[in-house]
Amino acid sequence: MIKILVGLCLFIVLIGLWKVVLKFQINQHFQQFKIKHLADLDKQAVTSTKPLSAHEVRIEEVEEYEQQLFDDVCQIFFERELAERNLSQAIVVQEEVLKKMPAKTHSQIRKLDLDEWSIYWTFYDQSLEYYVGRYGVFYTYVDRFGDEHKFEMKDALSHV
């Protein structure tokens, strides 16, 4: 009976040692893999900082219907003649317009000095800005052809 218990204990100790050694080897292999991967990333970073040749130029295709969608949403925005001045409603305005825009449209709200703020939407080279200032509300929109469109609602009480 004692021989069986000693054999069983020895077997458990051998399995434990085997697991520790195996874990050590796996950990060492993982560390080497990680170092190699970081070295590859450094090489890519160094090679990507040099200017791109004519064959390496990365072109991102933009679908025409997405550009048209951005232009259409901007036109609708201009037609609404929104005059929201409350900064607390800026997120509502931002989300309302953004949900109609193409999926890759970026947007941000900027709070400026003197209680002025703006919402800015961009889609590649196109942009729409809703700016609330001391003297009124201003829209600026750059369409897919690079033409700039403006709309102003100046306050009657503004004086310089």
C-alpha atoms as a PDB file:
ATOM      1  CA  MET A   1       0.000   0.000   0.000  1.00  0.00           C
ATOM      2  CA  ILE A   2       2.849   2.354   0.855  1.00  0.00           C
ATOM      3  CA  LYS A   3       4.541   1.551  -2.447  1.00  0.00           C
ATOM      4  CA  ILE A   4       1.385   2.567  -4.313  1.00  0.00           C
ATOM      5  CA  LEU A   5       1.117   5.870  -2.366  1.00  0.00           C
ATOM      6  CA  VAL A   6       4.809   6.673  -2.886  1.00  0.00           C
ATOM      7  CA  GLY A   7       4.473   5.804  -6.591  1.00  0.00           C
ATOM      8  CA  LEU A   8       1.365   7.967  -6.863  1.00  0.00           C
ATOM      9  CA  CYS A   9       3.097  10.896  -5.107  1.00  0.00           C
ATOM     10  CA  LEU A  10       6.140  10.495  -7.361  1.00  0.00           C
ATOM     11  CA  PHE A  11       3.846  10.413 -10.415  1.00  0.00           C
ATOM     12  CA  ILE A  12       2.094  13.621  -9.266  1.00  0.00           C
ATOM     13  CA  VAL A  13       5.459  15.333  -8.653  1.00  0.00           C
ATOM     14  CA  LEU A  14       6.672  14.328 -12.134  1.00  0.00           C
ATOM     15  CA  ILE A  15       3.476  15.653 -13.741  1.00  0.00           C
ATOM     16  CA  GLY A  16       3.868  18.908 -11.784  1.00  0.00           C
ATOM     17  CA  LEU A  17       7.499  19.301 -12.881  1.00  0.00           C
ATOM     18  CA  TRP A  18       6.559  18.496 -16.466  1.00  0.00           C
ATOM     19  CA  LYS A  19       3.846  21.200 -16.397  1.00  0.00           C
ATOM     20  CA  VAL A  20       6.246  23.779 -14.922  1.00  0.00           C
ATOM     21  CA  VAL A  21       8.896  23.029 -17.546  1.00  0.00           C
ATOM     22  CA  LEU A  22       6.292  23.086 -20.315  1.00  0.00           C
ATOM     23  CA  LYS A  23       4.910  26.419 -19.089  1.00  0.00           C
ATOM     24  CA  PHE A  24       8.421  27.854 -18.977  1.00  0.00           C
ATOM     25  CA  GLN A  25       9.124  26.753 -22.557  1.00  0.00           C
ATOM     26  CA  ILE A  26       5.788  28.110 -23.814  1.00  0.00           C
ATOM     27  CA  ASN A  27       6.379  31.420 -22.048  1.00  0.00           C
ATOM     28  CA  GLN A  28       9.898  31.666 -23.489  1.00  0.00           C
ATOM     29  CA  HIS A  29       8.611  30.875 -26.984  1.00  0.00           C
ATOM     30  CA  PHE A  30       5.864  33.504 -26.614  1.00  0.00           C
ATOM     31  CA  GLN A  31       8.389  36.132 -25.485  1.00  0.00           C
ATOM     32  CA  GLN A  32      10.570  35.429 -28.531  1.00  0.00           C
ATOM     33  CA  PHE A  33       7.532  35.654 -30.795  1.00  0.00           C
ATOM     34  CA  LYS A  34       6.546  38.946 -29.191  1.00  0.00           C
ATOM     35  CA  ILE A  35      10.057  40.403 -29.613  1.00  0.00           C
ATOM     36  CA  LYS A  36      10.142  39.316 -33.256  1.00  0.00           C
ATOM     37  CA  HIS A  37       6.693  40.826 -33.864  1.00  0.00           C
ATOM     38  CA  LEU A  38       7.740  44.156 -32.304  1.00  0.00           C
ATOM     39  CA  ALA A  39      10.912  44.174 -34.412  1.00  0.00           C
ATOM     40  CA  ASP A  40       8.790  43.626 -37.538  1.00  0.00           C
ATOM     41  CA  LEU A  41       6.531  46.509 -36.528  1.00  0.00           C
ATOM     42  CA  ASP A  42       9.559  48.753 -36.036  1.00  0.00           C
ATOM     43  CA  LYS A  43      10.837  47.816 -39.496  1.00  0.00           C
ATOM     44  CA  GLN A  44       7.436  48.636 -40.997  1.00  0.00           C
ATOM     45  CA  ALA A  45       7.345  51.971 -39.164  1.00  0.00           C
ATOM     46  CA  VAL A  46      10.795  52.883 -40.478  1.00  0.00           C
ATOM     47  CA  THR A  47       9.932  51.878 -44.041  1.00  0.00           C
ATOM     48  CA  SER A  48       6.572  53.651 -43.921  1.00  0.00           C
ATOM     49  CA  THR A  49       8.201  56.978 -43.011  1.00  0.00           C
ATOM     50  CA  LYS A  50      10.025  57.155 -46.325  1.00  0.00           C
ATOM     51  CA  PRO A  51       8.081  58.772 -49.179  1.00  0.00           C
ATOM     52  CA  LEU A  52       5.864  56.469 -51.163  1.00  0.00           C
ATOM     53  CA  SER A  53       6.868  55.701 -54.714  1.00  0.00           C
ATOM     54  CA  ALA A  54       4.403  55.810 -57.585  1.00  0.00           C
ATOM     55  CA  HIS A  55       3.770  52.077 -57.199  1.00  0.00           C
ATOM     56  CA  GLU A  56       3.140  52.247 -53.435  1.00  0.00           C
ATOM     57  CA  VAL A  57       0.561  55.044 -53.368  1.00  0.00           C
ATOM     58  CA  ARG A  58      -2.401  53.966 -51.295  1.00  0.00           C
ATOM     59  CA  ILE A  59      -5.676  54.922 -52.870  1.00  0.00           C
ATOM     60  CA  GLU A  60      -8.876  54.672 -50.907  1.00  0.00           C
ATOM     61  CA  GLU A  61     -11.891  54.455 -53.147  1.00  0.00           C
ATOM     62  CA  VAL A  62     -14.946  56.472 -52.247  1.00  0.00           C
ATOM     63  CA  GLU A  63     -18.258  55.480 -53.734  1.00  0.00           C
ATOM     64  CA  GLU A  64     -19.975  58.232 -55.702  1.00  0.00           C
ATOM     65  CA  TYR A  65     -23.335  57.534 -54.090  1.00  0.00           C
ATOM     66  CA  GLU A  66     -21.790  58.178 -50.657  1.00  0.00           C
ATOM     67  CA  GLN A  67     -20.489  61.551 -51.796  1.00  0.00           C
ATOM     68  CA  GLN A  68     -23.897  62.334 -53.290  1.00  0.00           C
ATOM     69  CA  LEU A  69     -25.571  61.279 -50.021  1.00  0.00           C
ATOM     70  CA  PHE A  70     -23.359  63.660 -48.038  1.00  0.00           C
ATOM     71  CA  ASP A  71     -24.213  66.495 -50.458  1.00  0.00           C
ATOM     72  CA  ASP A  72     -27.936  65.715 -50.266  1.00  0.00           C
ATOM     73  CA  VAL A  73     -27.953  65.674 -46.462  1.00  0.00           C
ATOM     74  CA  CYS A  74     -26.120  69.017 -46.442  1.00  0.00           C
ATOM     75  CA  GLN A  75     -28.663  70.515 -48.846  1.00  0.00           C
ATOM     76  CA  ILE A  76     -31.518  69.343 -46.616  1.00  0.00           C
ATOM     77  CA  PHE A  77     -29.697  70.797 -43.598  1.00  0.00           C
ATOM     78  CA  PHE A  78     -29.408  74.164 -45.374  1.00  0.00           C
ATOM     79  CA  GLU A  79     -33.087  74.121 -46.356  1.00  0.00           C
ATOM     80  CA  ARG A  80     -34.188  73.543 -42.745  1.00  0.00           C
ATOM     81  CA  GLU A  81     -32.523  76.796 -41.669  1.00  0.00           C
ATOM     82  CA  LEU A  82     -31.933  75.439 -38.190  1.00  0.00           C
ATOM     83  CA  ALA A  83     -31.129  78.143 -35.639  1.00  0.00           C
ATOM     84  CA  GLU A  84     -30.465  76.105 -32.482  1.00  0.00           C
ATOM     85  CA  ARG A  85     -28.308  78.170 -30.116  1.00  0.00           C
ATOM     86  CA  ASN A  86     -28.381  76.000 -27.018  1.00  0.00           C
ATOM     87  CA  LEU A  87     -25.149  74.038 -26.566  1.00  0.00           C
ATOM     88  CA  SER A  88     -26.999  71.338 -24.630  1.00  0.00           C
ATOM     89  CA  GLN A  89     -28.924  70.535 -27.853  1.00  0.00           C
ATOM     90  CA  ALA A  90     -25.722  70.232 -29.916  1.00  0.00           C
ATOM     91  CA  ILE A  91     -25.495  66.466 -29.422  1.00  0.00           C
ATOM     92  CA  VAL A  92     -29.081  66.038 -30.601  1.00  0.00           C
ATOM     93  CA  VAL A  93     -28.381  68.097 -33.740  1.00  0.00           C
ATOM     94  CA  GLN A  94     -25.107  66.250 -34.321  1.00  0.00           C
ATOM     95  CA  GLU A  95     -26.678  62.794 -34.053  1.00  0.00           C
ATOM     96  CA  GLU A  96     -29.728  63.755 -36.094  1.00  0.00           C
ATOM     97  CA  VAL A  97     -27.551  64.771 -39.041  1.00  0.00           C
ATOM     98  CA  LEU A  98     -24.906  62.057 -38.538  1.00  0.00           C
ATOM     99  CA  LYS A  99     -27.425  59.213 -38.737  1.00  0.00           C
ATOM    100  CA  LYS A 100     -28.345  60.374 -42.271  1.00  0.00           C
ATOM    101  CA  MET A 101     -24.726  60.700 -43.428  1.00  0.00           C
ATOM    102  CA  PRO A 102     -22.520  57.971 -44.964  1.00  0.00           C
ATOM    103  CA  ALA A 103     -21.069  55.507 -42.461  1.00  0.00           C
ATOM    104  CA  LYS A 104     -17.502  56.854 -42.635  1.00  0.00           C
ATOM    105  CA  THR A 105     -18.513  60.407 -41.751  1.00  0.00           C
ATOM    106  CA  HIS A 106     -16.703  61.857 -38.747  1.00  0.00           C
ATOM    107  CA  SER A 107     -18.159  64.480 -36.470  1.00  0.00           C
ATOM    108  CA  GLN A 108     -17.093  66.597 -33.527  1.00  0.00           C
ATOM    109  CA  ILE A 109     -18.498  69.329 -31.341  1.00  0.00           C
ATOM    110  CA  ARG A 110     -16.160  72.184 -30.487  1.00  0.00           C
ATOM    111  CA  LYS A 111     -16.791  74.564 -27.608  1.00  0.00           C
ATOM    112  CA  LEU A 112     -15.093  77.883 -28.230  1.00  0.00           C
ATOM    113  CA  ASP A 113     -14.576  81.090 -26.248  1.00  0.00           C
ATOM    114  CA  LEU A 114     -17.346  83.623 -25.571  1.00  0.00           C
ATOM    115  CA  ASP A 115     -20.090  80.949 -25.539  1.00  0.00           C
ATOM    116  CA  GLU A 116     -19.485  80.131 -29.201  1.00  0.00           C
ATOM    117  CA  TRP A 117     -19.564  76.534 -30.434  1.00  0.00           C
ATOM    118  CA  SER A 118     -19.695  74.519 -33.631  1.00  0.00           C
ATOM    119  CA  ILE A 119     -20.489  71.077 -34.949  1.00  0.00           C
ATOM    120  CA  TYR A 120     -18.215  69.811 -37.698  1.00  0.00           C
ATOM    121  CA  TRP A 121     -18.948  66.831 -39.982  1.00  0.00           C
ATOM    122  CA  THR A 122     -16.362  65.518 -42.449  1.00  0.00           C
ATOM    123  CA  PHE A 123     -16.433  62.859 -45.155  1.00  0.00           C
ATOM    124  CA  TYR A 124     -13.084  62.671 -46.946  1.00  0.00           C
ATOM    125  CA  ASP A 125     -12.805  66.068 -48.763  1.00  0.00           C
ATOM    126  CA  GLN A 126     -16.371  67.143 -48.001  1.00  0.00           C
ATOM    127  CA  SER A 127     -17.374  69.000 -44.842  1.00  0.00           C
ATOM    128  CA  LEU A 128     -20.280  70.687 -43.125  1.00  0.00           C
ATOM    129  CA  GLU A 129     -19.961  73.099 -40.217  1.00  0.00           C
ATOM    130  CA  TYR A 130     -22.742  74.515 -38.056  1.00  0.00           C
ATOM    131  CA  TYR A 131     -21.312  77.472 -36.150  1.00  0.00           C
ATOM    132  CA  VAL A 132     -23.112  79.395 -33.400  1.00  0.00           C
ATOM    133  CA  GLY A 133     -21.412  82.669 -32.580  1.00  0.00           C
ATOM    134  CA  ARG A 134     -22.097  85.955 -30.857  1.00  0.00           C
ATOM    135  CA  TYR A 135     -23.465  87.506 -34.039  1.00  0.00           C
ATOM    136  CA  GLY A 136     -25.611  84.681 -35.361  1.00  0.00           C
ATOM    137  CA  VAL A 137     -25.682  81.177 -36.786  1.00  0.00           C
ATOM    138  CA  PHE A 138     -23.519  80.285 -39.780  1.00  0.00           C
ATOM    139  CA  TYR A 139     -23.360  77.209 -42.014  1.00  0.00           C
ATOM    140  CA  THR A 140     -20.439  76.335 -44.240  1.00  0.00           C
ATOM    141  CA  TYR A 141     -20.452  73.361 -46.569  1.00  0.00           C
ATOM    142  CA  VAL A 142     -17.823  72.082 -49.031  1.00  0.00           C
ATOM    143  CA  ASP A 143     -19.299  69.744 -51.640  1.00  0.00           C
ATOM    144  CA  ARG A 144     -17.669  66.873 -53.523  1.00  0.00           C
ATOM    145  CA  PHE A 145     -16.483  69.234 -56.266  1.00  0.00           C
ATOM    146  CA  GLY A 146     -14.702  71.526 -53.784  1.00  0.00           C
ATOM    147  CA  ASP A 147     -17.255  74.337 -54.013  1.00  0.00           C
ATOM    148  CA  GLU A 148     -18.004  76.168 -50.775  1.00  0.00           C
ATOM    149  CA  HIS A 149     -21.565  77.077 -49.818  1.00  0.00           C
ATOM    150  CA  LYS A 150     -22.447  79.472 -46.989  1.00  0.00           C
ATOM    151  CA  PHE A 151     -25.575  80.463 -45.126  1.00  0.00           C
ATOM    152  CA  GLU A 152     -25.860  83.124 -42.422  1.00  0.00           C
ATOM    153  CA  MET A 153     -28.553  84.073 -39.938  1.00  0.00           C
ATOM    154  CA  LYS A 154     -27.190  87.214 -38.345  1.00  0.00           C
ATOM    155  CA  ASP A 155     -28.711  88.638 -35.196  1.00  0.00           C
ATOM    156  CA  ALA A 156     -30.547  91.930 -35.605  1.00  0.00           C
ATOM    157  CA  LEU A 157     -29.222  93.111 -32.239  1.00  0.00           C
ATOM    158  CA  SER A 158     -25.566  92.463 -32.990  1.00  0.00           C
ATOM    159  CA  HIS A 159     -23.392  95.524 -32.854  1.00  0.00           C
ATOM    160  CA  VAL A 160     -19.685  95.865 -33.330  1.00  0.00           C
END
